[in-house]
Protein backbone atom coordinates (compact mmCIF):
# COMPACT_ATOMS: atom_id res chain seq x y z
CA MET A 1 29.34 123.51 60.76
CA SER A 2 27.88 121.75 63.77
CA PRO A 3 29.99 119.05 65.46
CA LYS A 4 29.29 115.44 64.68
CA PRO A 5 27.01 113.63 67.11
CA GLY A 6 29.01 112.06 69.91
CA SER A 7 32.23 114.00 69.17
CA HIS A 8 32.10 115.79 72.50
CA ILE A 9 31.94 112.41 74.25
CA LYS A 10 35.01 111.25 72.33
CA SER A 11 36.88 114.44 73.26
CA PHE A 12 35.97 113.96 76.90
CA ARG A 13 37.30 110.41 76.80
CA ILE A 14 40.59 111.58 75.28
CA PHE A 15 40.87 114.31 77.92
CA THR A 16 40.17 111.76 80.65
CA ILE A 17 42.86 109.40 79.32
CA VAL A 18 45.41 112.20 79.04
CA LEU A 19 44.59 113.39 82.56
CA PHE A 20 44.91 109.83 83.89
CA VAL A 21 48.32 109.41 82.23
CA ILE A 22 49.53 112.72 83.67
CA LEU A 23 48.33 111.79 87.16
CA LEU A 24 49.95 108.35 86.83
CA ILE A 25 53.28 109.92 85.84
CA LEU A 26 53.07 112.38 88.74
CA GLY A 27 52.26 109.54 91.11
CA LEU A 28 55.23 107.48 89.92
CA PHE A 29 57.46 110.53 90.23
CA ALA A 30 56.25 111.09 93.80
CA VAL A 31 56.97 107.46 94.70
CA LEU A 32 60.44 107.60 93.15
CA HIS A 33 61.11 110.89 94.90
CA TYR A 34 60.13 109.35 98.23
CA PHE A 35 62.37 106.33 97.77
CA LYS A 36 65.26 108.41 96.52
CA PHE A 37 65.14 111.24 99.02
CA GLY A 38 62.94 109.99 101.86
CA PHE A 39 64.96 106.84 102.39
CA GLY A 40 68.14 108.72 101.51
CA ILE A 41 67.69 110.95 104.51
CA GLU A 42 67.39 107.92 106.77
CA GLU A 43 70.42 106.29 105.19
CA SER A 44 72.52 109.43 105.55
CA LYS A 45 71.59 109.85 109.21
CA ARG A 46 74.69 109.36 111.32
CA ASP A 47 74.17 109.22 115.04
CA TYR A 48 75.71 107.01 117.72
CA GLU A 49 74.27 103.71 116.42
CA GLU A 50 75.44 104.38 112.86
CA ILE A 51 78.90 105.36 114.11
CA ILE A 52 79.22 102.17 116.16
CA GLU A 53 78.10 100.13 113.17
CA SER A 54 80.65 101.83 110.90
CA LYS A 55 83.43 101.23 113.47
CA GLU A 56 84.81 104.71 112.73
CA LEU A 57 84.66 108.00 114.61
CA ARG A 58 85.28 110.86 112.18
CA VAL A 59 86.63 114.06 113.67
CA VAL A 60 87.90 117.40 112.41
CA LEU A 61 90.84 118.88 114.30
CA ALA A 62 92.79 122.11 113.92
CA THR A 63 96.57 122.15 114.06
CA ASN A 64 98.07 124.21 116.89
CA PRO A 65 100.67 123.66 119.66
CA ILE A 66 98.01 122.56 122.13
CA ASP A 67 95.49 120.35 120.38
CA TYR A 68 97.20 118.59 117.46
CA PHE A 69 100.74 118.70 116.08
CA ILE A 70 103.71 116.53 115.17
CA TYR A 71 106.98 117.10 116.99
CA GLN A 72 110.15 115.18 116.20
CA GLY A 73 108.06 112.61 114.36
CA GLN A 74 105.55 112.01 117.15
CA PRO A 75 101.81 112.94 116.80
CA MET A 76 100.77 114.83 119.93
CA GLY A 77 98.00 117.03 121.28
CA PHE A 78 95.53 117.65 124.09
CA GLN A 79 92.42 117.06 122.00
CA LEU A 80 94.08 114.29 119.99
CA GLU A 81 94.70 112.26 123.13
CA MET A 82 91.21 112.98 124.50
CA LEU A 83 89.56 111.87 121.26
CA GLU A 84 91.76 108.77 121.13
CA SER A 85 90.62 107.88 124.66
CA PHE A 86 86.95 108.35 123.77
CA ALA A 87 87.25 106.36 120.53
CA LYS A 88 89.09 103.55 122.32
CA SER A 89 86.41 103.38 125.01
CA LYS A 90 83.83 102.74 122.25
CA GLY A 91 85.98 100.35 120.21
CA LEU A 92 86.17 102.82 117.30
CA GLU A 93 88.95 103.76 114.91
CA LEU A 94 89.68 107.49 115.00
CA VAL A 95 89.66 109.05 111.51
CA ILE A 96 91.04 112.59 111.45
CA LYS A 97 90.66 115.45 109.00
CA ILE A 98 92.35 118.83 109.38
CA GLU A 99 90.61 122.20 109.05
CA ASN A 100 91.72 125.37 110.83
CA ASP A 101 88.88 127.57 109.58
CA ALA A 102 85.95 127.46 112.03
CA GLN A 103 83.31 128.26 109.39
CA LYS A 104 84.54 125.51 107.06
CA GLY A 105 84.68 123.15 110.03
CA VAL A 106 80.98 123.71 110.77
CA GLU A 107 80.17 123.12 107.11
CA MET A 108 82.07 119.81 107.23
CA LEU A 109 80.15 118.80 110.36
CA LEU A 110 76.74 119.63 108.87
CA ASP A 111 77.69 117.87 105.60
CA ARG A 112 78.45 114.73 107.67
CA GLU A 113 82.12 114.74 106.76
CA CYS A 114 82.80 114.34 110.46
CA ASP A 115 80.96 113.33 113.63
CA ILE A 116 82.78 115.62 116.06
CA LEU A 117 84.22 119.06 115.39
CA ALA A 118 87.16 119.63 117.75
CA GLN A 119 89.03 122.72 116.56
CA GLY A 120 89.89 124.15 119.97
CA ILE A 121 87.97 127.34 119.21
CA ILE A 122 85.95 129.20 121.87
CA ASN A 123 82.23 128.39 121.83
CA SER A 124 80.33 130.98 119.82
CA LEU A 125 76.76 132.16 120.33
CA SER A 126 76.44 132.60 116.57
CA GLN A 127 77.10 128.87 116.04
CA GLU A 128 74.67 127.57 118.65
CA ALA A 129 71.86 127.74 116.07
CA TYR A 130 73.72 125.20 113.92
CA VAL A 131 75.51 122.87 116.35
CA ASN A 132 75.18 121.30 119.78
CA TYR A 133 78.04 121.78 122.22
CA THR A 134 79.23 119.03 124.53
CA LEU A 135 80.31 119.65 128.11
CA PRO A 136 83.33 122.01 128.08
CA ILE A 137 86.66 120.22 127.69
CA ARG A 138 88.59 123.25 128.96
CA SER A 139 88.29 127.01 129.37
CA THR A 140 90.50 129.87 128.23
CA ARG A 141 90.41 133.57 127.49
CA LEU A 142 91.51 135.74 124.61
CA VAL A 143 94.48 138.05 125.11
CA LEU A 144 95.93 140.95 123.17
CA VAL A 145 99.51 140.26 122.09
CA LYS A 146 101.71 143.28 121.37
CA HIS A 147 105.32 143.84 120.40
CA VAL A 148 107.76 144.90 123.10
CA PRO A 149 111.15 146.38 122.13
CA LYS A 150 113.90 144.09 123.40
CA ASN A 151 115.40 146.65 125.76
CA GLU A 152 112.07 147.66 127.29
CA ASP A 153 110.99 146.41 130.69
CA ILE A 154 107.85 144.36 130.08
CA LEU A 155 106.73 144.84 133.70
CA ASN A 156 106.34 148.59 133.19
CA LEU A 157 104.05 148.27 130.20
CA LYS A 158 100.42 149.25 130.53
CA PRO A 159 97.49 148.49 128.22
CA ASP A 160 97.18 151.02 125.42
CA THR A 161 94.27 152.98 126.89
CA ASP A 162 95.67 156.50 126.86
CA GLY A 163 93.24 157.76 124.26
CA ASN A 164 95.78 157.54 121.44
CA THR A 165 93.79 157.78 118.22
CA THR A 166 96.49 156.29 115.97
CA LEU A 167 94.97 153.46 113.92
CA LYS A 168 96.08 150.09 115.29
CA TYR A 169 96.14 147.05 113.01
CA ILE A 170 95.22 143.82 114.77
CA TYR A 171 95.97 140.65 112.85
CA VAL A 172 93.99 137.50 113.62
CA ALA A 173 93.73 134.06 112.03
CA LYS A 174 90.67 133.92 109.80
CA ASN A 175 87.50 132.45 111.33
CA GLN A 176 89.21 131.58 114.61
CA THR A 177 86.85 133.61 116.75
CA ASP A 178 83.57 135.51 116.62
CA ILE A 179 84.64 138.79 115.00
CA LYS A 180 81.58 140.78 116.13
CA VAL A 181 82.10 139.83 119.76
CA LEU A 182 85.83 140.42 119.46
CA LYS A 183 85.27 143.95 118.11
CA THR A 184 83.01 144.71 121.07
CA TYR A 185 85.72 143.67 123.54
CA LEU A 186 88.49 145.50 121.65
CA THR A 187 86.54 148.76 121.52
CA GLU A 188 86.87 149.02 125.29
CA ILE A 189 90.66 148.59 125.09
CA ILE A 190 91.85 150.28 121.90
CA PRO A 191 90.08 153.44 120.69
CA ASN A 192 90.94 153.11 117.03
CA PHE A 193 91.72 149.77 115.43
CA TYR A 194 91.26 147.73 112.26
CA LEU A 195 90.98 143.93 112.28
CA VAL A 196 92.86 142.08 109.57
CA GLU A 197 91.90 138.42 109.08
CA ILE A 198 94.67 136.20 107.72
CA ASP A 199 94.04 132.74 106.28
CA SER A 200 97.65 131.92 105.35
CA LEU A 201 99.33 132.00 108.78
CA SER A 202 98.85 130.04 111.99
CA ASN A 203 98.38 131.80 115.33
CA GLU A 204 101.98 131.00 116.24
CA ALA A 205 103.26 132.47 112.98
CA ILE A 206 101.23 135.64 113.55
CA ILE A 207 102.65 135.95 117.08
CA LYS A 208 106.17 135.57 115.67
CA ASN A 209 105.45 138.45 113.28
CA VAL A 210 104.27 140.55 116.22
CA SER A 211 107.44 139.70 118.16
CA GLU A 212 109.55 140.86 115.21
CA GLY A 213 107.61 144.10 114.90
CA ILE A 214 106.12 143.23 111.53
CA PHE A 215 102.57 143.20 112.92
CA ASP A 216 101.31 145.59 115.62
CA PHE A 217 98.95 143.29 117.51
CA THR A 218 97.16 139.98 117.46
CA VAL A 219 94.48 138.31 119.59
CA VAL A 220 94.88 134.63 120.53
CA ASP A 221 94.10 131.97 123.10
CA TYR A 222 95.97 132.75 126.34
CA ASN A 223 97.61 129.32 126.39
CA ILE A 224 99.01 129.68 122.87
CA ALA A 225 100.37 133.13 123.81
CA LYS A 226 101.96 131.64 126.93
CA ILE A 227 103.68 128.90 124.92
CA SER A 228 104.85 131.40 122.30
CA GLU A 229 106.30 133.80 124.87
CA SER A 230 108.81 131.09 125.81
CA TYR A 231 110.38 131.46 122.37
CA TRP A 232 109.70 135.06 121.43
CA HIS A 233 110.40 137.03 124.60
CA ASN A 234 109.66 140.49 123.22
CA ILE A 235 105.89 140.15 123.37
CA ASP A 236 103.38 141.17 126.01
CA TYR A 237 100.09 139.29 126.47
CA SER A 238 98.98 140.75 129.81
CA THR A 239 95.85 142.44 128.42
CA ASP A 240 92.75 140.25 128.52
CA VAL A 241 90.34 140.71 125.64
CA SER A 242 87.61 138.47 127.02
CA VAL A 243 86.40 136.83 130.19
CA SER A 244 86.98 133.10 130.63
CA LYS A 245 85.28 131.19 127.80
CA ASN A 246 84.49 127.52 127.28
CA ILE A 247 85.87 125.26 124.56
CA SER A 248 83.70 122.25 123.70
CA TRP A 249 83.28 119.69 120.96
CA SER A 250 80.59 120.48 118.38
CA LEU A 251 78.04 117.93 117.16
CA ARG A 252 75.18 118.02 114.68
CA PRO A 253 71.76 118.74 116.25
CA GLU A 254 70.53 115.37 114.91
CA SER A 255 73.26 113.49 116.83
CA LYS A 256 71.37 113.35 120.10
CA GLN A 257 72.52 109.84 121.03
CA LEU A 258 76.14 110.74 120.32
CA LEU A 259 75.81 113.89 122.42
CA ASP A 260 74.48 111.86 125.36
CA SER A 261 77.25 109.29 124.94
CA VAL A 262 80.03 111.90 124.74
CA ASN A 263 78.71 113.88 127.71
CA PHE A 264 78.33 110.74 129.81
CA TRP A 265 81.95 109.83 129.02
CA LEU A 266 83.17 113.38 129.66
CA GLU A 267 81.53 113.52 133.08
CA ASP A 268 83.87 110.75 134.23
CA PHE A 269 86.92 111.64 132.14
CA LEU A 270 87.05 115.28 133.26
CA GLN A 271 87.42 114.04 136.86
CA SER A 272 90.05 111.43 136.00
CA ASN A 273 93.82 111.33 136.49
CA ASP A 274 94.18 110.95 132.72
CA TYR A 275 92.54 114.34 132.19
CA ARG A 276 94.71 115.95 134.86
CA ARG A 277 97.77 114.43 133.17
CA LEU A 278 96.77 115.92 129.80
CA ASN A 279 96.24 119.32 131.40
CA LEU A 280 99.67 119.24 132.99
CA LYS A 281 101.26 117.98 129.79
CA TYR A 282 99.77 120.43 127.29
CA ILE A 283 98.18 123.39 129.08
CA ASN A 284 99.35 124.02 132.63
CA ASN A 285 102.91 122.89 132.05
CA ASN A 286 105.56 125.37 133.21
CA LYS A 287 108.15 123.55 131.10
CA ASN A 288 108.29 123.75 127.32
CA LEU A 289 106.81 120.63 125.81
CA VAL A 290 107.79 121.58 122.27
CA ASP A 291 110.23 123.98 120.65
CA LEU A 292 108.13 126.10 118.30
CA GLU A 293 111.28 127.16 116.47
CA SER A 294 112.56 123.62 116.05
CA ASP A 295 113.07 122.40 112.50
CA PHE A 296 110.92 119.45 113.50
CA TYR A 297 107.87 121.26 114.85
CA SER A 298 106.03 120.07 111.77
CA ILE A 299 103.17 122.60 111.70
CA SER A 300 105.68 125.36 111.01
CA THR A 301 108.23 123.56 108.85
CA GLY A 302 106.51 120.57 107.26
CA LYS A 303 109.51 118.48 108.33
CA ILE A 304 109.62 115.17 110.16
CA SER A 305 113.36 114.60 110.60
CA GLU A 306 116.71 115.82 109.37
CA TYR A 307 116.71 112.91 106.90
CA ASP A 308 113.55 113.92 105.01
CA ASP A 309 115.34 114.62 101.73
CA LYS A 310 117.14 111.28 101.70
CA ILE A 311 114.00 109.39 102.69
CA ARG A 312 112.11 111.11 99.86
CA LYS A 313 114.86 110.22 97.40
CA TYR A 314 115.02 106.51 98.17
CA SER A 315 111.29 106.02 98.75
CA LYS A 316 110.72 107.01 95.11
CA LEU A 317 112.70 103.92 94.06
CA ILE A 318 109.93 101.67 95.37
CA ASN A 319 106.95 103.99 94.87
CA TRP A 320 106.23 104.25 98.60
CA ASP A 321 105.10 107.47 100.27
CA TRP A 322 108.17 108.88 102.03
CA ARG A 323 105.97 109.73 105.02
CA LEU A 324 105.13 106.04 105.46
CA VAL A 325 108.84 105.14 105.35
CA SER A 326 109.49 107.93 107.87
CA SER A 327 106.86 106.47 110.18
CA LEU A 328 108.59 103.09 109.93
CA ILE A 329 111.95 104.69 110.77
CA TYR A 330 110.43 106.51 113.74
CA GLU A 331 109.03 103.22 115.02
CA GLU A 332 112.36 101.45 114.62
CA SER A 333 114.93 104.00 115.74
CA ARG A 334 113.36 107.38 116.52
CA PHE A 335 115.66 108.65 113.72
CA ASN A 336 118.81 107.64 115.61
CA PRO A 337 121.32 106.35 113.00
CA ASP A 338 123.65 105.00 115.72
CA LEU A 339 121.08 102.85 117.51
CA VAL A 340 121.99 99.18 118.00
CA SER A 341 119.37 96.77 119.37
CA TRP A 342 119.95 93.92 121.79
CA ALA A 343 119.61 91.52 118.83
CA GLY A 344 122.22 93.30 116.72
CA ALA A 345 119.95 95.30 114.39
CA TYR A 346 121.38 98.73 113.79
CA GLY A 347 120.88 102.11 112.19
CA LEU A 348 117.87 104.18 111.22
CA MET A 349 115.97 101.21 109.80
CA GLN A 350 117.22 98.64 112.33
CA LEU A 351 118.29 96.02 109.80
CA MET A 352 120.12 92.90 110.88
CA PRO A 353 123.63 92.72 109.35
CA VAL A 354 122.71 89.86 107.02
CA THR A 355 119.70 91.77 105.68
CA PHE A 356 121.68 94.97 105.30
CA ASN A 357 124.42 93.18 103.36
CA THR A 358 121.87 91.44 101.12
CA PHE A 359 120.26 94.68 99.97
CA LYS A 360 123.08 97.20 100.24
CA ASP A 361 124.58 99.20 97.40
CA PRO A 362 128.40 98.97 97.56
CA GLU A 363 128.66 102.55 96.30
CA LYS A 364 126.65 103.96 99.20
CA SER A 365 127.70 104.51 102.79
CA GLY A 366 126.47 106.04 106.02
CA ILE A 367 122.88 107.28 106.17
CA ASP A 368 122.36 106.74 102.43
CA ALA A 369 123.35 103.10 102.75
CA GLN A 370 121.04 102.55 105.72
CA ILE A 371 117.97 104.03 104.04
CA TYR A 372 118.71 102.47 100.63
CA SER A 373 119.06 98.97 102.09
CA GLY A 374 115.89 99.43 104.13
CA VAL A 375 113.71 100.52 101.22
CA LYS A 376 115.10 97.76 98.99
CA TYR A 377 114.16 95.24 101.67
CA ILE A 378 110.66 96.78 101.74
CA GLU A 379 110.53 96.37 97.95
CA PHE A 380 111.52 92.69 98.29
CA LEU A 381 108.74 92.07 100.82
CA ASP A 382 106.19 94.01 98.75
CA LYS A 383 106.85 91.81 95.71
CA LYS A 384 106.59 88.67 97.85
CA PHE A 385 102.97 89.49 98.78
CA LEU A 386 101.92 91.22 95.57
CA GLU A 387 100.10 88.26 93.99
CA GLN A 388 98.17 87.11 97.05
CA VAL A 389 97.46 90.62 98.39
CA PRO A 390 96.77 92.81 95.33
CA LYS A 391 95.35 95.80 97.27
CA GLN A 392 98.18 98.02 98.43
CA GLU A 393 96.26 99.36 101.44
CA ASP A 394 96.17 95.79 102.82
CA ARG A 395 99.59 94.77 101.52
CA ILE A 396 101.30 97.58 103.44
CA TYR A 397 100.39 95.83 106.71
CA PHE A 398 101.73 92.47 105.47
CA VAL A 399 105.00 94.15 104.48
CA LEU A 400 105.39 96.03 107.76
CA ALA A 401 104.64 92.99 109.90
CA SER A 402 107.16 90.99 107.84
CA TYR A 403 109.72 93.77 108.25
CA ASN A 404 109.33 93.30 112.00
CA ILE A 405 109.40 89.48 112.31
CA GLY A 406 110.27 88.17 108.85
CA PRO A 407 107.83 86.99 106.18
CA GLY A 408 107.75 83.36 107.34
CA HIS A 409 105.45 83.91 110.33
CA VAL A 410 103.15 86.15 108.26
CA GLU A 411 102.91 83.42 105.61
CA ASP A 412 102.06 80.93 108.39
CA ALA A 413 99.18 83.19 109.42
CA MET A 414 98.03 83.35 105.80
CA ARG A 415 98.03 79.54 105.57
CA LEU A 416 95.90 79.39 108.71
CA ALA A 417 93.49 81.93 107.24
CA GLU A 418 93.20 79.80 104.12
CA LYS A 419 92.62 76.65 106.17
CA TYR A 420 89.81 78.27 108.13
CA LYS A 421 88.33 79.72 104.91
CA ASP A 422 89.09 83.32 105.79
CA ASP A 423 90.22 85.93 103.29
CA VAL A 424 93.98 85.47 102.81
CA SER A 425 94.28 88.93 101.23
CA SER A 426 92.61 90.71 104.15
CA TRP A 427 94.86 92.13 106.84
CA GLU A 428 92.03 91.93 109.38
CA SER A 429 91.75 88.17 108.83
CA VAL A 430 95.47 87.44 108.77
CA ALA A 431 96.16 89.71 111.75
CA PHE A 432 93.87 87.53 113.87
CA TYR A 433 95.96 84.41 113.23
CA LEU A 434 99.24 86.28 113.51
CA SER A 435 98.13 87.68 116.88
CA ASN A 436 97.37 84.14 118.06
CA MET A 437 100.59 82.53 116.85
CA SER A 438 101.54 82.04 120.51
CA ASN A 439 98.42 79.87 121.00
CA ALA A 440 99.20 76.16 120.75
CA LYS A 441 95.97 75.58 118.79
CA TYR A 442 97.49 77.58 115.96
CA TYR A 443 101.28 77.33 116.16
CA LYS A 444 101.09 73.52 116.43
CA ASP A 445 98.82 73.29 113.39
CA PRO A 446 100.42 71.22 110.57
CA VAL A 447 100.16 74.13 108.11
CA VAL A 448 102.40 76.28 110.34
CA ILE A 449 106.02 75.90 109.27
CA HIS A 450 107.86 78.38 111.48
CA GLY A 451 106.22 77.50 114.79
CA TYR A 452 105.61 79.61 117.87
CA TYR A 453 105.92 83.39 117.79
CA PRO A 454 104.29 86.23 119.78
CA GLY A 455 102.92 87.71 116.57
CA ILE A 456 100.70 90.19 118.38
CA TYR A 457 103.77 92.45 118.61
CA ALA A 458 104.18 92.43 114.83
CA VAL A 459 100.50 93.32 114.42
CA SER A 460 100.91 96.20 116.86
CA PHE A 461 104.10 97.27 115.07
CA ALA A 462 102.40 97.44 111.66
CA GLU A 463 99.24 99.13 112.88
CA SER A 464 101.19 101.69 114.92
CA ILE A 465 103.22 102.70 111.84
CA VAL A 466 100.12 103.09 109.66
CA LYS A 467 98.33 105.05 112.37
CA ARG A 468 101.26 107.47 112.67
CA TYR A 469 101.51 107.67 108.87
CA LYS A 470 97.90 108.89 108.75
CA HIS A 471 98.85 111.68 111.17
CA TYR A 472 101.79 112.55 108.92
CA GLN A 473 99.41 112.71 105.97
CA ASN A 474 97.26 115.17 107.93
CA VAL A 475 100.07 117.56 108.80
CA ILE A 476 103.09 116.97 106.52
CA PRO A 477 102.97 118.01 102.83
CA LYS A 478 103.65 115.17 100.41
């Protein structure tokens, strides 16, 4: 049967309409794709301008006895202090994440989880394709650490190059160095070896195992070996495994402005007295800055003070993180239960006698009584601000400032914030008025009940405790 006249024209029209609809859908999809992904790339870009706008500098650090650790409650470290100086110079808050694995650190950098990667690991040729290195912040070399029997004279030892073909096991922290390059160096020193990468032990812990004869060898940064030798004398680290190598900060290739800014700052800082002080303090110090076997070298033990268990116990009563309470105690007394201030405050939590007696438990005494009264006072202050400051992350600052100077002056600052139509529940807003409570414009205002007070000290007190608490969160298990 022949087709009806004009049917082919009708079919062509239908085909044209269908084709038009398909093209329209594809066009809309392309537009949506552009807006979703094209603009998304711009929005996710994070270079110097975006960092300044965000007011945060995000860094990844590794924990070790040089760059970042907590000792007797105090956050310390060569790179920590350098990064704090750089962030302060740019008016930025330093936000720290911890990652000891170099490969994972690079992934975090490229995924924009951080702006600067500062793990204290020797620059690697294999990583240069993925990151940009800043000017070197220091140099070091890798050394072979071996066990020395206690009664053997370390000065008479020689590198193991006598052609001994016994298989040597060399234990290294996982992803702490370029394994291929390391194997090349080791081949010239030890004829027959096997590298064992460990992801569950720090470099210091591996060295301790070598000193006890559990492990045969390890390879570490010379400076870490030098620190460790002060505590574990039966090790030898006289055999170099590499020439001097640079350690730098790593940045994303896209962060060209940040790279320029960091390098410009480093050019001056590396020539400064502050840099020389940090070198003497952490690297070229002939005295022991920290005791690696101390119960309160927190990388090894996870402890802050000898009162951790009691602080944990009583912090649970008020649903506060025990590490935050510990940071408060460090700020007040440095964990000295016998401390008495010029004003009469005493004990770990530096309570005035009237406050202690108000919140004490008659059945408790000594350290328990001090901590119990302190946390119950914190609970009292927390409830006082609960309605007006519902967000705990803000309320913590209100409570800490009140712990320092009493709630009256903080409430004065809140009344000023309300008068000037600022957010009463925002610590940033209230901190401004509290910091200026020594300014007659504010302390003479009719809404201020408690009058003059140098409230800037209370602001510094609260912010210092929270800053240290964030370091505790990085290093100390909950």
